[in-house]
Amino acid sequence: MAKLKLTMAVSHYDRHFPFFDGSVALDGVELNVLLVGQSEPLKHGVDRHERMLQTGEFDICELSLSSYLMARSRGMPFIAIPVFPRRLFSMSQMWVHAGAGIDSPKELIGCKVGLSTFQTTLSVLAKGDLQSEYGVDWRKIEWVVAKEETVPFKPQEGVKIRVVPPGRKIGSLLEQGEIDALFMPHPPKEVLRGSEKIRRLFSNARQEELNYFHKNGFFPIMHVVAFKDEVLKQDPRLALSVMEAFEKAKEVCRHYYDDPNWSRLAWGRHLFEEERSLLGDDPWPYGVKRNRANLERFMGYSLDQGLMEKKVAVEDLFTPATLDT
């Protein structure tokens, strides 16, 4: 019997290496795993989320949690499994112009703040965390986005959103002081080049994030793994098979760090051990039960920001076979 042929688009994280080197595979499936970036192009290009949600280019895709929730609330033909391959705290991703005189979250009120898009998962998390953790009304900030939205939506009345002028880059706007702050899933290129005109909002962002983890109990989800509906209609068993494959890949990845020189970081093993002591043995849990509080909080952010069209139960986000996980 011929194997089912499927494509899966993911990024190049260490927990995905086992799919590329063949140490993890799917029985009865010829899985073509594609390296597709989102912000930066990889082997098979860029704009992974848009290519999945707008054209259904892949059978399975690592997808923005925020855009997936928007798609799900609109009845678009995609369904996820509770696998979360990317997570970030927001506090380390909040950057300010060094000369703006901004030393606390509340000083962002009335400022111009850049985002990848308004609906980017990190953007939604950062806006929500500003309000929930620091009492900052995100509606009192003017938002400047780097590109058009993946899933179209109508902003709430009074919310100020504008797109970066043609030919301009959002990182350079921050470096030149044309915007006051920038929340992005990656450090601005200007920071990577060593610009002294940009610094983090929090002088000890790591401690802020550790406090957040201890208070809320989770490392915030950024991405899910989603299928086109038609794929699971063809073979519903794939949902659990793919989830199990991601679990195996995560376990293989964990053992990479048994070798103190697996990473190019001189103290990579020390950092691995330190993280485990601070965040527990697995801050990357898959499954519905251990991620419910995280998902419910994020959906509250999405609804408050006018992104989801309606409230959706956690159980409605994932294919039925995975709900007991």
C-alpha atoms as a PDB file:
ATOM      1  CA  MET A   1       0.000   0.000   0.000  1.00  0.00           C
ATOM      2  CA  ALA A   2       1.420   3.386  -0.981  1.00  0.00           C
ATOM      3  CA  LYS A   3       2.345   5.733   1.851  1.00  0.00           C
ATOM      4  CA  LEU A   4       0.311   8.875   2.385  1.00  0.00           C
ATOM      5  CA  LYS A   5       2.314  11.898   1.228  1.00  0.00           C
ATOM      6  CA  LEU A   6       2.154  14.994   3.444  1.00  0.00           C
ATOM      7  CA  THR A   7       4.042  18.272   3.774  1.00  0.00           C
ATOM      8  CA  MET A   8       4.873  19.849   7.129  1.00  0.00           C
ATOM      9  CA  ALA A   9       6.297  23.372   7.404  1.00  0.00           C
ATOM     10  CA  VAL A  10       8.284  24.197  10.544  1.00  0.00           C
ATOM     11  CA  SER A  11      11.167  26.368  11.680  1.00  0.00           C
ATOM     12  CA  HIS A  12      14.689  25.170  12.500  1.00  0.00           C
ATOM     13  CA  TYR A  13      14.532  24.834  16.292  1.00  0.00           C
ATOM     14  CA  ASP A  14      16.580  22.193  18.100  1.00  0.00           C
ATOM     15  CA  ARG A  15      13.351  20.348  19.021  1.00  0.00           C
ATOM     16  CA  HIS A  16      12.640  19.917  15.305  1.00  0.00           C
ATOM     17  CA  PHE A  17      16.051  18.498  14.360  1.00  0.00           C
ATOM     18  CA  PRO A  18      14.870  14.886  14.812  1.00  0.00           C
ATOM     19  CA  PHE A  19      12.412  15.358  11.941  1.00  0.00           C
ATOM     20  CA  PHE A  20      15.201  16.493   9.638  1.00  0.00           C
ATOM     21  CA  ASP A  21      17.776  13.843  10.522  1.00  0.00           C
ATOM     22  CA  GLY A  22      15.238  11.023  10.325  1.00  0.00           C
ATOM     23  CA  SER A  23      15.456   9.952  13.972  1.00  0.00           C
ATOM     24  CA  VAL A  24      11.701  10.614  14.272  1.00  0.00           C
ATOM     25  CA  ALA A  25       9.268   9.609  11.514  1.00  0.00           C
ATOM     26  CA  LEU A  26       5.590   8.748  11.010  1.00  0.00           C
ATOM     27  CA  ASP A  27       4.549   5.173  10.269  1.00  0.00           C
ATOM     28  CA  GLY A  28       2.784   4.843   6.924  1.00  0.00           C
ATOM     29  CA  VAL A  29       3.453   8.465   5.980  1.00  0.00           C
ATOM     30  CA  GLU A  30       5.959   9.961   3.597  1.00  0.00           C
ATOM     31  CA  LEU A  31       6.427  13.243   5.442  1.00  0.00           C
ATOM     32  CA  ASN A  32       8.176  16.014   3.555  1.00  0.00           C
ATOM     33  CA  VAL A  33       9.399  18.349   6.304  1.00  0.00           C
ATOM     34  CA  LEU A  34      10.002  21.845   4.965  1.00  0.00           C
ATOM     35  CA  LEU A  35      12.160  24.511   6.593  1.00  0.00           C
ATOM     36  CA  VAL A  36      10.006  27.624   6.220  1.00  0.00           C
ATOM     37  CA  GLY A  37      10.698  30.807   8.158  1.00  0.00           C
ATOM     38  CA  GLN A  38       8.299  33.502   9.251  1.00  0.00           C
ATOM     39  CA  SER A  39      10.291  36.698   9.764  1.00  0.00           C
ATOM     40  CA  GLU A  40      13.439  35.403   8.062  1.00  0.00           C
ATOM     41  CA  PRO A  41      13.618  33.097   5.005  1.00  0.00           C
ATOM     42  CA  LEU A  42      14.864  29.546   5.491  1.00  0.00           C
ATOM     43  CA  LYS A  43      15.478  26.831   2.882  1.00  0.00           C
ATOM     44  CA  HIS A  44      11.874  26.826   1.667  1.00  0.00           C
ATOM     45  CA  GLY A  45      11.188  30.513   2.005  1.00  0.00           C
ATOM     46  CA  VAL A  46       9.392  32.837   4.415  1.00  0.00           C
ATOM     47  CA  ASP A  47       5.869  33.881   5.523  1.00  0.00           C
ATOM     48  CA  ARG A  48       4.940  30.424   6.793  1.00  0.00           C
ATOM     49  CA  HIS A  49       1.781  31.597   8.609  1.00  0.00           C
ATOM     50  CA  GLU A  50       0.422  33.531   5.625  1.00  0.00           C
ATOM     51  CA  ARG A  51       1.129  30.664   3.235  1.00  0.00           C
ATOM     52  CA  MET A  52      -0.838  28.280   5.437  1.00  0.00           C
ATOM     53  CA  LEU A  53      -3.780  30.495   6.384  1.00  0.00           C
ATOM     54  CA  GLN A  54      -4.197  32.361   3.108  1.00  0.00           C
ATOM     55  CA  THR A  55      -3.489  29.634   0.539  1.00  0.00           C
ATOM     56  CA  GLY A  56      -3.428  26.316   2.480  1.00  0.00           C
ATOM     57  CA  GLU A  57      -0.026  25.543   1.012  1.00  0.00           C
ATOM     58  CA  PHE A  58       0.981  22.925   3.624  1.00  0.00           C
ATOM     59  CA  ASP A  59      -0.792  19.902   5.076  1.00  0.00           C
ATOM     60  CA  ILE A  60       0.638  20.522   8.561  1.00  0.00           C
ATOM     61  CA  CYS A  61       2.192  23.756   9.748  1.00  0.00           C
ATOM     62  CA  GLU A  62       3.795  25.412  12.746  1.00  0.00           C
ATOM     63  CA  LEU A  63       1.457  28.356  13.079  1.00  0.00           C
ATOM     64  CA  SER A  64       1.030  31.569  15.071  1.00  0.00           C
ATOM     65  CA  LEU A  65      -1.249  30.928  18.065  1.00  0.00           C
ATOM     66  CA  SER A  66      -2.840  34.346  17.638  1.00  0.00           C
ATOM     67  CA  SER A  67      -3.585  33.997  13.937  1.00  0.00           C
ATOM     68  CA  TYR A  68      -4.808  30.435  14.479  1.00  0.00           C
ATOM     69  CA  LEU A  69      -7.278  31.618  17.129  1.00  0.00           C
ATOM     70  CA  MET A  70      -8.527  34.294  14.746  1.00  0.00           C
ATOM     71  CA  ALA A  71      -8.917  31.715  11.979  1.00  0.00           C
ATOM     72  CA  ARG A  72     -10.666  29.256  14.287  1.00  0.00           C
ATOM     73  CA  SER A  73     -13.125  31.869  15.544  1.00  0.00           C
ATOM     74  CA  ARG A  74     -13.968  32.667  11.903  1.00  0.00           C
ATOM     75  CA  GLY A  75     -14.568  29.030  10.927  1.00  0.00           C
ATOM     76  CA  MET A  76     -11.571  28.787   8.605  1.00  0.00           C
ATOM     77  CA  PRO A  77     -10.674  25.180   7.585  1.00  0.00           C
ATOM     78  CA  PHE A  78      -7.818  24.469  10.010  1.00  0.00           C
ATOM     79  CA  ILE A  79      -7.594  22.475  13.246  1.00  0.00           C
ATOM     80  CA  ALA A  80      -4.696  22.185  15.691  1.00  0.00           C
ATOM     81  CA  ILE A  81      -3.192  19.564  17.939  1.00  0.00           C
ATOM     82  CA  PRO A  82      -1.933  20.688  21.391  1.00  0.00           C
ATOM     83  CA  VAL A  83       1.709  20.857  20.396  1.00  0.00           C
ATOM     84  CA  PHE A  84       3.417  24.181  21.088  1.00  0.00           C
ATOM     85  CA  PRO A  85       6.860  24.373  19.437  1.00  0.00           C
ATOM     86  CA  ARG A  86       7.612  28.025  20.193  1.00  0.00           C
ATOM     87  CA  ARG A  87       7.278  29.948  23.465  1.00  0.00           C
ATOM     88  CA  LEU A  88       8.481  33.356  24.640  1.00  0.00           C
ATOM     89  CA  PHE A  89       8.102  35.632  27.612  1.00  0.00           C
ATOM     90  CA  SER A  90       7.214  39.162  26.535  1.00  0.00           C
ATOM     91  CA  MET A  91       9.455  41.180  28.839  1.00  0.00           C
ATOM     92  CA  SER A  92      12.749  40.415  27.061  1.00  0.00           C
ATOM     93  CA  GLN A  93      11.153  41.351  23.749  1.00  0.00           C
ATOM     94  CA  MET A  94      10.249  44.922  24.799  1.00  0.00           C
ATOM     95  CA  TRP A  95      12.792  47.402  23.412  1.00  0.00           C
ATOM     96  CA  VAL A  96      12.941  51.186  23.823  1.00  0.00           C
ATOM     97  CA  HIS A  97      14.922  54.029  22.294  1.00  0.00           C
ATOM     98  CA  ALA A  98      17.742  54.810  24.715  1.00  0.00           C
ATOM     99  CA  GLY A  99      17.042  58.530  24.521  1.00  0.00           C
ATOM    100  CA  ALA A 100      13.278  58.311  25.027  1.00  0.00           C
ATOM    101  CA  GLY A 101      13.497  58.435  28.811  1.00  0.00           C
ATOM    102  CA  ILE A 102      11.278  55.380  29.221  1.00  0.00           C
ATOM    103  CA  ASP A 103      12.226  53.399  32.322  1.00  0.00           C
ATOM    104  CA  SER A 104       8.947  51.746  33.282  1.00  0.00           C
ATOM    105  CA  PRO A 105       5.932  50.254  31.475  1.00  0.00           C
ATOM    106  CA  LYS A 106       3.596  53.095  32.478  1.00  0.00           C
ATOM    107  CA  GLU A 107       5.822  55.566  30.653  1.00  0.00           C
ATOM    108  CA  LEU A 108       4.748  53.914  27.393  1.00  0.00           C
ATOM    109  CA  ILE A 109       1.316  55.558  27.676  1.00  0.00           C
ATOM    110  CA  GLY A 110       0.950  58.104  24.865  1.00  0.00           C
ATOM    111  CA  CYS A 111       4.002  56.731  23.038  1.00  0.00           C
ATOM    112  CA  LYS A 112       4.467  55.260  19.560  1.00  0.00           C
ATOM    113  CA  VAL A 113       5.259  51.545  19.830  1.00  0.00           C
ATOM    114  CA  GLY A 114       6.221  49.288  16.925  1.00  0.00           C
ATOM    115  CA  LEU A 115       5.006  45.723  16.336  1.00  0.00           C
ATOM    116  CA  SER A 116       5.519  43.082  13.643  1.00  0.00           C
ATOM    117  CA  THR A 117       1.730  43.126  13.191  1.00  0.00           C
ATOM    118  CA  PHE A 118      -1.014  43.895  15.667  1.00  0.00           C
ATOM    119  CA  GLN A 119      -2.030  40.213  15.717  1.00  0.00           C
ATOM    120  CA  THR A 120       1.453  38.660  15.968  1.00  0.00           C
ATOM    121  CA  THR A 121       1.357  36.398  19.013  1.00  0.00           C
ATOM    122  CA  LEU A 122       4.162  38.245  20.791  1.00  0.00           C
ATOM    123  CA  SER A 123       2.354  41.535  20.079  1.00  0.00           C
ATOM    124  CA  VAL A 124      -0.870  40.253  21.633  1.00  0.00           C
ATOM    125  CA  LEU A 125       0.984  38.814  24.617  1.00  0.00           C
ATOM    126  CA  ALA A 126       2.975  42.002  25.219  1.00  0.00           C
ATOM    127  CA  LYS A 127      -0.098  44.244  25.018  1.00  0.00           C
ATOM    128  CA  GLY A 128      -2.018  41.928  27.327  1.00  0.00           C
ATOM    129  CA  ASP A 129       0.863  41.596  29.778  1.00  0.00           C
ATOM    130  CA  LEU A 130       1.297  45.375  29.923  1.00  0.00           C
ATOM    131  CA  GLN A 131      -2.303  45.650  31.045  1.00  0.00           C
ATOM    132  CA  SER A 132      -2.516  42.576  33.291  1.00  0.00           C
ATOM    133  CA  GLU A 133       0.896  42.731  34.931  1.00  0.00           C
ATOM    134  CA  TYR A 134       1.664  46.461  34.947  1.00  0.00           C
ATOM    135  CA  GLY A 135      -1.677  48.271  34.755  1.00  0.00           C
ATOM    136  CA  VAL A 136      -0.929  49.903  31.388  1.00  0.00           C
ATOM    137  CA  ASP A 137      -3.963  50.469  29.152  1.00  0.00           C
ATOM    138  CA  TRP A 138      -2.729  49.311  25.738  1.00  0.00           C
ATOM    139  CA  ARG A 139      -5.439  51.453  24.089  1.00  0.00           C
ATOM    140  CA  LYS A 140      -3.549  54.568  25.195  1.00  0.00           C
ATOM    141  CA  ILE A 141      -0.581  53.668  22.984  1.00  0.00           C
ATOM    142  CA  GLU A 142      -0.237  54.384  19.262  1.00  0.00           C
ATOM    143  CA  TRP A 143       0.760  51.183  17.456  1.00  0.00           C
ATOM    144  CA  VAL A 144       2.981  51.138  14.363  1.00  0.00           C
ATOM    145  CA  VAL A 145       3.042  47.820  12.498  1.00  0.00           C
ATOM    146  CA  ALA A 146       5.736  46.567  10.139  1.00  0.00           C
ATOM    147  CA  LYS A 147       3.423  44.869   7.628  1.00  0.00           C
ATOM    148  CA  GLU A 148      -0.161  43.998   6.764  1.00  0.00           C
ATOM    149  CA  GLU A 149      -2.074  41.555   8.959  1.00  0.00           C
ATOM    150  CA  THR A 150      -2.141  37.802   8.249  1.00  0.00           C
ATOM    151  CA  VAL A 151      -5.864  37.474   9.031  1.00  0.00           C
ATOM    152  CA  PRO A 152      -7.772  40.707   8.267  1.00  0.00           C
ATOM    153  CA  PHE A 153      -9.727  42.324  11.098  1.00  0.00           C
ATOM    154  CA  LYS A 154     -11.378  45.640  11.916  1.00  0.00           C
ATOM    155  CA  PRO A 155      -9.655  47.479  14.791  1.00  0.00           C
ATOM    156  CA  GLN A 156     -11.796  48.539  17.700  1.00  0.00           C
ATOM    157  CA  GLU A 157     -13.014  52.117  17.720  1.00  0.00           C
ATOM    158  CA  GLY A 158     -10.391  54.458  19.124  1.00  0.00           C
ATOM    159  CA  VAL A 159      -7.466  52.046  18.707  1.00  0.00           C
ATOM    160  CA  LYS A 160      -4.642  53.716  16.797  1.00  0.00           C
ATOM    161  CA  ILE A 161      -2.790  51.477  14.319  1.00  0.00           C
ATOM    162  CA  ARG A 162      -0.734  52.606  11.330  1.00  0.00           C
ATOM    163  CA  VAL A 163       1.606  50.776   8.964  1.00  0.00           C
ATOM    164  CA  VAL A 164       5.271  51.689   8.582  1.00  0.00           C
ATOM    165  CA  PRO A 165       5.760  54.045   5.603  1.00  0.00           C
ATOM    166  CA  PRO A 166       6.847  52.325   2.351  1.00  0.00           C
ATOM    167  CA  GLY A 167      10.579  51.752   2.151  1.00  0.00           C
ATOM    168  CA  ARG A 168      11.132  52.111   5.898  1.00  0.00           C
ATOM    169  CA  LYS A 169      12.104  49.387   8.384  1.00  0.00           C
ATOM    170  CA  ILE A 170      10.625  49.349  11.844  1.00  0.00           C
ATOM    171  CA  GLY A 171      13.956  48.743  13.582  1.00  0.00           C
ATOM    172  CA  SER A 172      15.476  51.826  11.987  1.00  0.00           C
ATOM    173  CA  LEU A 173      12.465  53.875  13.118  1.00  0.00           C
ATOM    174  CA  LEU A 174      13.286  52.898  16.690  1.00  0.00           C
ATOM    175  CA  GLU A 175      17.003  53.533  16.311  1.00  0.00           C
ATOM    176  CA  GLN A 176      16.314  56.986  14.900  1.00  0.00           C
ATOM    177  CA  GLY A 177      13.782  57.810  17.602  1.00  0.00           C
ATOM    178  CA  GLU A 178      10.787  58.039  15.247  1.00  0.00           C
ATOM    179  CA  ILE A 179       9.026  55.506  17.447  1.00  0.00           C
ATOM    180  CA  ASP A 180       9.626  55.157  21.170  1.00  0.00           C
ATOM    181  CA  ALA A 181       9.543  51.399  21.649  1.00  0.00           C
ATOM    182  CA  LEU A 182       9.315  48.120  19.757  1.00  0.00           C
ATOM    183  CA  PHE A 183       7.900  44.722  20.746  1.00  0.00           C
ATOM    184  CA  MET A 184       9.157  41.957  18.424  1.00  0.00           C
ATOM    185  CA  PRO A 185       9.598  38.158  18.560  1.00  0.00           C
ATOM    186  CA  HIS A 186      13.289  38.655  17.634  1.00  0.00           C
ATOM    187  CA  PRO A 187      15.774  41.359  18.655  1.00  0.00           C
ATOM    188  CA  PRO A 188      15.835  44.207  16.112  1.00  0.00           C
ATOM    189  CA  LYS A 189      18.653  43.840  13.587  1.00  0.00           C
ATOM    190  CA  GLU A 190      20.031  47.127  14.867  1.00  0.00           C
ATOM    191  CA  VAL A 191      20.513  45.509  18.288  1.00  0.00           C
ATOM    192  CA  LEU A 192      22.246  42.520  16.707  1.00  0.00           C
ATOM    193  CA  ARG A 193      24.603  44.964  14.991  1.00  0.00           C
ATOM    194  CA  GLY A 194      25.433  46.509  18.366  1.00  0.00           C
ATOM    195  CA  SER A 195      23.407  49.736  18.279  1.00  0.00           C
ATOM    196  CA  GLU A 196      23.720  51.686  21.521  1.00  0.00           C
ATOM    197  CA  LYS A 197      20.545  53.640  20.769  1.00  0.00           C
ATOM    198  CA  ILE A 198      18.263  50.726  21.673  1.00  0.00           C
ATOM    199  CA  ARG A 199      17.942  48.946  25.029  1.00  0.00           C
ATOM    200  CA  ARG A 200      15.467  46.674  26.749  1.00  0.00           C
ATOM    201  CA  LEU A 201      12.619  48.310  28.651  1.00  0.00           C
ATOM    202  CA  PHE A 202      13.404  46.195  31.717  1.00  0.00           C
ATOM    203  CA  SER A 203      16.945  46.391  33.073  1.00  0.00           C
ATOM    204  CA  ASN A 204      16.502  42.875  34.493  1.00  0.00           C
ATOM    205  CA  ALA A 205      14.068  41.323  32.046  1.00  0.00           C
ATOM    206  CA  ARG A 206      15.020  37.802  33.055  1.00  0.00           C
ATOM    207  CA  GLN A 207      13.943  38.409  36.657  1.00  0.00           C
ATOM    208  CA  GLU A 208      10.681  39.968  35.453  1.00  0.00           C
ATOM    209  CA  GLU A 209      10.038  36.825  33.433  1.00  0.00           C
ATOM    210  CA  LEU A 210      10.895  34.512  36.298  1.00  0.00           C
ATOM    211  CA  ASN A 211       8.458  36.444  38.499  1.00  0.00           C
ATOM    212  CA  TYR A 212       5.822  36.055  35.749  1.00  0.00           C
ATOM    213  CA  PHE A 213       6.438  32.310  35.561  1.00  0.00           C
ATOM    214  CA  HIS A 214       6.130  31.848  39.318  1.00  0.00           C
ATOM    215  CA  LYS A 215       2.977  33.978  39.431  1.00  0.00           C
ATOM    216  CA  ASN A 216       1.172  32.526  36.401  1.00  0.00           C
ATOM    217  CA  GLY A 217       2.658  29.051  36.191  1.00  0.00           C
ATOM    218  CA  PHE A 218       3.563  28.888  32.511  1.00  0.00           C
ATOM    219  CA  PHE A 219       6.070  29.813  29.821  1.00  0.00           C
ATOM    220  CA  PRO A 220       3.774  31.555  27.275  1.00  0.00           C
ATOM    221  CA  ILE A 221       2.821  29.725  24.090  1.00  0.00           C
ATOM    222  CA  MET A 222       3.644  31.394  20.763  1.00  0.00           C
ATOM    223  CA  HIS A 223       2.882  28.699  18.152  1.00  0.00           C
ATOM    224  CA  VAL A 224       0.672  25.659  17.629  1.00  0.00           C
ATOM    225  CA  VAL A 225       0.824  22.832  15.097  1.00  0.00           C
ATOM    226  CA  ALA A 226      -2.199  22.936  12.786  1.00  0.00           C
ATOM    227  CA  PHE A 227      -3.610  20.738  10.028  1.00  0.00           C
ATOM    228  CA  LYS A 228      -5.766  21.582   7.085  1.00  0.00           C
ATOM    229  CA  ASP A 229      -9.185  20.126   7.938  1.00  0.00           C
ATOM    230  CA  GLU A 230      -9.195  17.919   4.861  1.00  0.00           C
ATOM    231  CA  VAL A 231      -6.059  16.071   5.997  1.00  0.00           C
ATOM    232  CA  LEU A 232      -7.591  14.815   9.238  1.00  0.00           C
ATOM    233  CA  LYS A 233     -10.886  14.058   7.521  1.00  0.00           C
ATOM    234  CA  GLN A 234      -8.907  11.733   5.274  1.00  0.00           C
ATOM    235  CA  ASP A 235      -7.196  10.024   8.247  1.00  0.00           C
ATOM    236  CA  PRO A 236      -8.171  11.178  11.801  1.00  0.00           C
ATOM    237  CA  ARG A 237      -5.484   8.944  13.319  1.00  0.00           C
ATOM    238  CA  LEU A 238      -2.833  11.364  12.099  1.00  0.00           C
ATOM    239  CA  ALA A 239      -3.610  13.797  14.918  1.00  0.00           C
ATOM    240  CA  LEU A 240      -2.287  11.519  17.664  1.00  0.00           C
ATOM    241  CA  SER A 241       0.476  10.120  15.449  1.00  0.00           C
ATOM    242  CA  VAL A 242       1.867  13.582  14.741  1.00  0.00           C
ATOM    243  CA  MET A 243       1.508  14.622  18.371  1.00  0.00           C
ATOM    244  CA  GLU A 244       3.413  11.527  19.489  1.00  0.00           C
ATOM    245  CA  ALA A 245       6.123  12.304  16.937  1.00  0.00           C
ATOM    246  CA  PHE A 246       6.559  15.805  18.373  1.00  0.00           C
ATOM    247  CA  GLU A 247       6.749  14.338  21.888  1.00  0.00           C
ATOM    248  CA  LYS A 248       9.488  11.940  20.748  1.00  0.00           C
ATOM    249  CA  ALA A 249      11.358  14.763  18.993  1.00  0.00           C
ATOM    250  CA  LYS A 250      11.260  16.885  22.152  1.00  0.00           C
ATOM    251  CA  GLU A 251      12.682  13.998  24.191  1.00  0.00           C
ATOM    252  CA  VAL A 252      15.457  13.399  21.652  1.00  0.00           C
ATOM    253  CA  CYS A 253      16.252  17.108  21.768  1.00  0.00           C
ATOM    254  CA  ARG A 254      16.464  17.111  25.562  1.00  0.00           C
ATOM    255  CA  HIS A 255      19.241  14.544  25.403  1.00  0.00           C
ATOM    256  CA  TYR A 256      21.276  16.688  23.023  1.00  0.00           C
ATOM    257  CA  TYR A 257      22.193  18.724  26.096  1.00  0.00           C
ATOM    258  CA  ASP A 258      23.660  15.699  27.876  1.00  0.00           C
ATOM    259  CA  ASP A 259      26.786  16.653  25.919  1.00  0.00           C
ATOM    260  CA  PRO A 260      28.202  19.853  27.492  1.00  0.00           C
ATOM    261  CA  ASN A 261      29.568  20.881  24.112  1.00  0.00           C
ATOM    262  CA  TRP A 262      26.489  20.188  21.987  1.00  0.00           C
ATOM    263  CA  SER A 263      25.730  23.902  21.871  1.00  0.00           C
ATOM    264  CA  ARG A 264      28.300  26.512  20.830  1.00  0.00           C
ATOM    265  CA  LEU A 265      27.604  28.227  24.182  1.00  0.00           C
ATOM    266  CA  ALA A 266      30.574  27.622  26.476  1.00  0.00           C
ATOM    267  CA  TRP A 267      28.265  27.116  29.472  1.00  0.00           C
ATOM    268  CA  GLY A 268      25.370  25.556  27.594  1.00  0.00           C
ATOM    269  CA  ARG A 269      25.073  22.607  30.003  1.00  0.00           C
ATOM    270  CA  HIS A 270      25.217  24.939  33.019  1.00  0.00           C
ATOM    271  CA  LEU A 271      22.420  27.046  31.525  1.00  0.00           C
ATOM    272  CA  PHE A 272      20.369  23.914  30.838  1.00  0.00           C
ATOM    273  CA  GLU A 273      20.708  22.827  34.470  1.00  0.00           C
ATOM    274  CA  GLU A 274      19.971  26.320  35.778  1.00  0.00           C
ATOM    275  CA  GLU A 275      16.812  26.610  33.684  1.00  0.00           C
ATOM    276  CA  ARG A 276      15.611  23.243  34.946  1.00  0.00           C
ATOM    277  CA  SER A 277      16.099  24.345  38.558  1.00  0.00           C
ATOM    278  CA  LEU A 278      14.168  27.592  37.939  1.00  0.00           C
ATOM    279  CA  LEU A 279      11.411  26.492  35.545  1.00  0.00           C
ATOM    280  CA  GLY A 280      11.099  22.793  36.313  1.00  0.00           C
ATOM    281  CA  ASP A 281      11.877  19.714  34.265  1.00  0.00           C
ATOM    282  CA  ASP A 282       9.571  20.597  31.356  1.00  0.00           C
ATOM    283  CA  PRO A 283       8.503  24.217  30.757  1.00  0.00           C
ATOM    284  CA  TRP A 284       7.480  23.089  27.236  1.00  0.00           C
ATOM    285  CA  PRO A 285       4.494  20.811  27.989  1.00  0.00           C
ATOM    286  CA  TYR A 286       2.266  19.533  25.191  1.00  0.00           C
ATOM    287  CA  GLY A 287      -1.343  18.486  25.697  1.00  0.00           C
ATOM    288  CA  VAL A 288      -4.540  20.297  26.655  1.00  0.00           C
ATOM    289  CA  LYS A 289      -4.587  19.870  30.443  1.00  0.00           C
ATOM    290  CA  ARG A 290      -1.239  21.438  31.279  1.00  0.00           C
ATOM    291  CA  ASN A 291      -1.798  24.351  28.907  1.00  0.00           C
ATOM    292  CA  ARG A 292      -5.404  25.290  29.647  1.00  0.00           C
ATOM    293  CA  ALA A 293      -4.617  28.293  31.873  1.00  0.00           C
ATOM    294  CA  ASN A 294      -2.114  29.610  29.340  1.00  0.00           C
ATOM    295  CA  LEU A 295      -4.571  29.271  26.462  1.00  0.00           C
ATOM    296  CA  GLU A 296      -7.506  30.763  28.347  1.00  0.00           C
ATOM    297  CA  ARG A 297      -5.481  33.792  29.394  1.00  0.00           C
ATOM    298  CA  PHE A 298      -4.226  34.377  25.867  1.00  0.00           C
ATOM    299  CA  MET A 299      -7.718  34.053  24.397  1.00  0.00           C
ATOM    300  CA  GLY A 300      -8.830  36.692  26.879  1.00  0.00           C
ATOM    301  CA  TYR A 301      -6.128  38.982  25.507  1.00  0.00           C
ATOM    302  CA  SER A 302      -7.195  38.253  21.928  1.00  0.00           C
ATOM    303  CA  LEU A 303     -10.853  38.991  22.623  1.00  0.00           C
ATOM    304  CA  ASP A 304      -9.990  42.173  24.540  1.00  0.00           C
ATOM    305  CA  GLN A 305      -7.900  43.373  21.597  1.00  0.00           C
ATOM    306  CA  GLY A 306     -10.680  42.760  19.066  1.00  0.00           C
ATOM    307  CA  LEU A 307      -8.932  39.947  17.205  1.00  0.00           C
ATOM    308  CA  MET A 308     -11.062  36.842  17.759  1.00  0.00           C
ATOM    309  CA  GLU A 309     -14.578  37.278  16.421  1.00  0.00           C
ATOM    310  CA  LYS A 310     -16.121  35.247  19.234  1.00  0.00           C
ATOM    311  CA  LYS A 311     -15.176  33.354  22.357  1.00  0.00           C
ATOM    312  CA  VAL A 312     -14.050  29.785  21.685  1.00  0.00           C
ATOM    313  CA  ALA A 313     -13.758  26.991  24.251  1.00  0.00           C
ATOM    314  CA  VAL A 314     -10.331  25.409  24.669  1.00  0.00           C
ATOM    315  CA  GLU A 315     -11.901  22.097  23.592  1.00  0.00           C
ATOM    316  CA  ASP A 316     -12.916  23.648  20.270  1.00  0.00           C
ATOM    317  CA  LEU A 317      -9.326  24.546  19.415  1.00  0.00           C
ATOM    318  CA  PHE A 318      -8.064  20.990  19.020  1.00  0.00           C
ATOM    319  CA  THR A 319      -9.059  17.856  17.199  1.00  0.00           C
ATOM    320  CA  PRO A 320     -11.203  15.581  19.451  1.00  0.00           C
ATOM    321  CA  ALA A 321      -8.676  12.741  19.594  1.00  0.00           C
ATOM    322  CA  THR A 322      -6.240  14.965  21.524  1.00  0.00           C
ATOM    323  CA  LEU A 323      -8.570  16.435  24.166  1.00  0.00           C
ATOM    324  CA  ASP A 324      -7.626  13.941  26.898  1.00  0.00           C
ATOM    325  CA  THR A 325      -3.940  14.800  26.669  1.00  0.00           C
END
